[in-house]
Amino acid sequence: MAEKAKGKKEKEQPQPQEKPAAKPTEKPAEKPSEKPTEKPKEKEKKPEKVKKKEKGAYTRYKVDTTGLTRLRPYCERCGTGYFMADHGNRFACGHCGFTRYKRA
C-alpha cells in the first residue's frame, strides 16, 4: 500500500511543463570578410629600433690651428657650460628655456 500511495503522489504532482525556449537575441549576421575563419597570421617581426648615439662635446667645438672655437653660444642666464640649441632662426636653452632670435 505504501507503494501505491507513493505512486499516487507521483501521479498527483503536476510535472513541470517545459516552457517554449525564448528566442535568443540574435546579432546581425556578420559578413565573412569581417571575421576571417582562417587561422590568425603569425605576427610579423618588427625591425629593431636604431638607438641614437649621444653627441659628445666634440660636436660643439671646432678645432683650428689657432685653437678651439665654440660653434654655439652659451646661455646668458645659465652661464658657461650650457650650450644653446640651434633651431634655424633662433637659439634656445634646453635648461631654462631662454630664447634668443637670430638676425635676419
Protein backbone atom coordinates (compact mmCIF):
# COMPACT_ATOMS: atom_id res chain seq x y z
CA MET A 1 0.00 0.00 0.00
CA ALA A 2 2.83 2.31 0.72
CA GLU A 3 3.96 1.80 -2.82
CA LYS A 4 0.56 2.67 -4.21
CA ALA A 5 0.34 5.78 -2.12
CA LYS A 6 3.76 6.74 -3.25
CA GLY A 7 2.76 6.11 -6.83
CA LYS A 8 -0.36 8.21 -6.44
CA LYS A 9 1.63 11.14 -5.11
CA GLU A 10 3.90 10.99 -8.10
CA LYS A 11 0.91 10.98 -10.37
CA GLU A 12 -0.84 13.74 -8.47
CA GLN A 13 2.12 16.09 -8.60
CA PRO A 14 1.98 18.03 -11.80
CA GLN A 15 5.10 17.58 -13.78
CA PRO A 16 6.84 20.80 -14.67
CA GLN A 17 5.84 21.86 -18.11
CA GLU A 18 8.60 22.73 -20.46
CA LYS A 19 8.37 26.35 -21.47
CA PRO A 20 9.00 27.12 -25.07
CA ALA A 21 12.57 28.26 -25.39
CA ALA A 22 12.77 32.01 -25.77
CA LYS A 23 14.45 33.17 -28.91
CA PRO A 24 17.96 34.28 -28.11
CA THR A 25 18.73 37.80 -29.05
CA GLU A 26 20.17 37.44 -32.48
CA LYS A 27 23.08 39.59 -33.50
CA PRO A 28 23.15 40.90 -37.03
CA ALA A 29 24.85 38.47 -39.33
CA GLU A 30 28.49 39.40 -39.82
CA LYS A 31 29.97 39.40 -43.25
CA PRO A 32 32.55 36.70 -43.83
CA SER A 33 35.08 39.32 -44.90
CA GLU A 34 34.87 40.99 -41.49
CA LYS A 35 35.56 37.89 -39.45
CA PRO A 36 38.01 35.51 -41.09
CA THR A 37 37.65 31.87 -40.27
CA GLU A 38 41.27 31.17 -41.14
CA LYS A 39 43.95 30.83 -38.53
CA PRO A 40 45.44 34.16 -37.45
CA LYS A 41 48.59 35.06 -39.31
CA GLU A 42 51.86 34.87 -37.49
CA LYS A 43 53.00 38.16 -36.03
CA GLU A 44 55.50 39.88 -38.22
CA LYS A 45 58.75 40.73 -36.53
CA LYS A 46 59.27 44.45 -36.23
CA PRO A 47 62.70 45.77 -37.11
CA GLU A 48 64.74 46.75 -34.10
CA LYS A 49 64.79 50.44 -33.31
CA VAL A 50 68.03 52.20 -34.02
CA LYS A 51 69.30 53.89 -30.90
CA LYS A 52 70.64 57.39 -31.32
CA LYS A 53 74.18 57.91 -30.20
CA GLU A 54 74.74 60.61 -27.64
CA LYS A 55 76.53 63.57 -29.12
CA GLY A 56 79.80 64.26 -27.41
CA ALA A 57 81.43 67.58 -26.64
CA TYR A 58 83.38 67.39 -29.90
CA THR A 59 80.22 68.33 -31.83
CA ARG A 60 80.04 71.71 -30.06
CA TYR A 61 83.59 72.86 -30.85
CA LYS A 62 85.65 73.37 -33.97
CA VAL A 63 89.38 72.73 -33.84
CA ASP A 64 91.53 75.17 -35.83
CA THR A 65 95.22 75.89 -35.96
CA THR A 66 94.52 78.85 -33.67
CA GLY A 67 92.70 76.70 -31.09
CA LEU A 68 89.14 75.85 -30.17
CA THR A 69 86.11 77.87 -31.26
CA ARG A 70 82.60 77.36 -29.93
CA LEU A 71 80.01 76.60 -32.60
CA ARG A 72 77.04 77.58 -30.42
CA PRO A 73 76.71 80.28 -27.80
CA TYR A 74 76.40 79.68 -24.06
CA CYS A 75 73.12 80.54 -22.34
CA GLU A 76 73.06 84.09 -20.93
CA ARG A 77 71.04 83.04 -17.87
CA CYS A 78 72.63 79.68 -17.01
CA GLY A 79 76.20 80.65 -17.78
CA THR A 80 79.11 78.71 -19.19
CA GLY A 81 78.60 75.01 -19.77
CA TYR A 82 75.02 75.32 -21.03
CA PHE A 83 75.05 75.49 -24.80
CA MET A 84 72.02 76.81 -26.62
CA ALA A 85 70.33 74.70 -29.30
CA ASP A 86 70.36 75.97 -32.87
CA HIS A 87 66.83 75.97 -34.33
CA GLY A 88 67.49 77.73 -37.63
CA ASN A 89 66.01 81.15 -36.83
CA ARG A 90 66.76 81.16 -33.08
CA PHE A 91 68.91 79.79 -30.28
CA ALA A 92 67.14 78.15 -27.33
CA CYS A 93 68.41 76.94 -23.96
CA GLY A 94 67.14 73.48 -23.02
CA HIS A 95 67.85 74.10 -19.34
CA CYS A 96 65.93 77.30 -18.60
CA GLY A 97 64.02 77.93 -21.85
CA PHE A 98 65.70 81.24 -22.72
CA THR A 99 65.38 82.06 -26.45
CA ARG A 100 67.49 84.44 -28.49
CA TYR A 101 66.39 85.13 -32.05
CA LYS A 102 68.88 85.40 -34.89
CA ARG A 103 69.00 88.48 -37.03
CA ALA A 104 67.54 88.03 -40.48
